[in-house]
Amino acid sequence: EAIEVLRSLGVRPEQLPYIRASDPVARAIGAKPGDIVRITRKSPTAGKIIVYRFVIAG
């Protein structure tokens, strides 16, 4: 699934915004360095926003 997301966005993992593996949310979902996580947010103007983060060590 991650490869499809990267291909559709036309980016490499390193080009995504980062999230540290020590971040409380990353720890809660068990994200490990090298993973790509999808974050869904509610927005008053756009409705629903999906963003992706590349998990780094730290």
C-alpha atoms as a PDB file:
ATOM      1  CA  GLU A   1       0.000   0.000   0.000  1.00  0.00           C
ATOM      2  CA  ALA A   2       2.842   2.420   0.837  1.00  0.00           C
ATOM      3  CA  ILE A   3       4.384   1.992  -2.609  1.00  0.00           C
ATOM      4  CA  GLU A   4       1.054   2.832  -4.252  1.00  0.00           C
ATOM      5  CA  VAL A   5       0.683   5.960  -2.103  1.00  0.00           C
ATOM      6  CA  LEU A   6       4.202   7.128  -2.924  1.00  0.00           C
ATOM      7  CA  ARG A   7       3.643   6.474  -6.618  1.00  0.00           C
ATOM      8  CA  SER A   8       0.331   8.360  -6.650  1.00  0.00           C
ATOM      9  CA  LEU A   9       1.931  11.330  -4.868  1.00  0.00           C
ATOM     10  CA  GLY A  10       5.061  11.161  -7.023  1.00  0.00           C
ATOM     11  CA  VAL A  11       7.453  11.336  -4.055  1.00  0.00           C
ATOM     12  CA  ARG A  12      10.083   9.287  -2.237  1.00  0.00           C
ATOM     13  CA  PRO A  13       9.593   8.501   1.471  1.00  0.00           C
ATOM     14  CA  GLU A  14      12.278  11.014   2.473  1.00  0.00           C
ATOM     15  CA  GLN A  15      10.270  13.785   0.805  1.00  0.00           C
ATOM     16  CA  LEU A  16       7.284  13.290   3.121  1.00  0.00           C
ATOM     17  CA  PRO A  17       6.988  15.247   6.367  1.00  0.00           C
ATOM     18  CA  TYR A  18       8.558  13.366   9.268  1.00  0.00           C
ATOM     19  CA  ILE A  19       7.168  11.995  12.502  1.00  0.00           C
ATOM     20  CA  ARG A  20       9.512  10.602  15.148  1.00  0.00           C
ATOM     21  CA  ALA A  21       9.057   7.033  16.345  1.00  0.00           C
ATOM     22  CA  SER A  22       9.082   8.455  19.893  1.00  0.00           C
ATOM     23  CA  ASP A  23       6.022  10.631  19.183  1.00  0.00           C
ATOM     24  CA  PRO A  24       3.193   9.490  21.496  1.00  0.00           C
ATOM     25  CA  VAL A  25       0.838   8.769  18.597  1.00  0.00           C
ATOM     26  CA  ALA A  26       3.513   6.878  16.633  1.00  0.00           C
ATOM     27  CA  ARG A  27       4.255   4.786  19.724  1.00  0.00           C
ATOM     28  CA  ALA A  28       0.541   4.139  20.296  1.00  0.00           C
ATOM     29  CA  ILE A  29       0.107   2.679  16.807  1.00  0.00           C
ATOM     30  CA  GLY A  30       3.416   0.789  16.891  1.00  0.00           C
ATOM     31  CA  ALA A  31       5.052   2.748  14.060  1.00  0.00           C
ATOM     32  CA  LYS A  32       8.709   1.924  13.426  1.00  0.00           C
ATOM     33  CA  PRO A  33      11.385   3.924  11.573  1.00  0.00           C
ATOM     34  CA  GLY A  34      10.846   3.534   7.837  1.00  0.00           C
ATOM     35  CA  ASP A  35       7.062   3.168   8.103  1.00  0.00           C
ATOM     36  CA  ILE A  36       4.659   5.524   6.369  1.00  0.00           C
ATOM     37  CA  VAL A  37       1.593   6.450   8.404  1.00  0.00           C
ATOM     38  CA  ARG A  38      -1.671   7.924   7.178  1.00  0.00           C
ATOM     39  CA  ILE A  39      -3.277  10.583   9.355  1.00  0.00           C
ATOM     40  CA  THR A  40      -6.904  11.576   8.810  1.00  0.00           C
ATOM     41  CA  ARG A  41      -8.018  14.922  10.202  1.00  0.00           C
ATOM     42  CA  LYS A  42     -11.316  16.737  10.245  1.00  0.00           C
ATOM     43  CA  SER A  43     -11.222  20.236   8.816  1.00  0.00           C
ATOM     44  CA  PRO A  44     -13.953  22.859   9.091  1.00  0.00           C
ATOM     45  CA  THR A  45     -13.182  24.110   5.574  1.00  0.00           C
ATOM     46  CA  ALA A  46     -12.084  21.006   3.673  1.00  0.00           C
ATOM     47  CA  GLY A  47     -14.120  18.359   5.487  1.00  0.00           C
ATOM     48  CA  LYS A  48     -11.639  15.506   5.774  1.00  0.00           C
ATOM     49  CA  ILE A  49      -7.904  15.748   5.130  1.00  0.00           C
ATOM     50  CA  ILE A  50      -5.556  12.796   4.670  1.00  0.00           C
ATOM     51  CA  VAL A  51      -1.852  13.410   5.229  1.00  0.00           C
ATOM     52  CA  TYR A  52       1.116  11.045   5.261  1.00  0.00           C
ATOM     53  CA  ARG A  53       4.193  11.012   7.499  1.00  0.00           C
ATOM     54  CA  PHE A  54       7.492   9.138   7.214  1.00  0.00           C
ATOM     55  CA  VAL A  55       8.555   7.639  10.557  1.00  0.00           C
ATOM     56  CA  ILE A  56      12.146   8.395  11.578  1.00  0.00           C
ATOM     57  CA  ALA A  57      14.202   7.242  14.564  1.00  0.00           C
ATOM     58  CA  GLY A  58      14.169   9.370  17.637  1.00  0.00           C
END
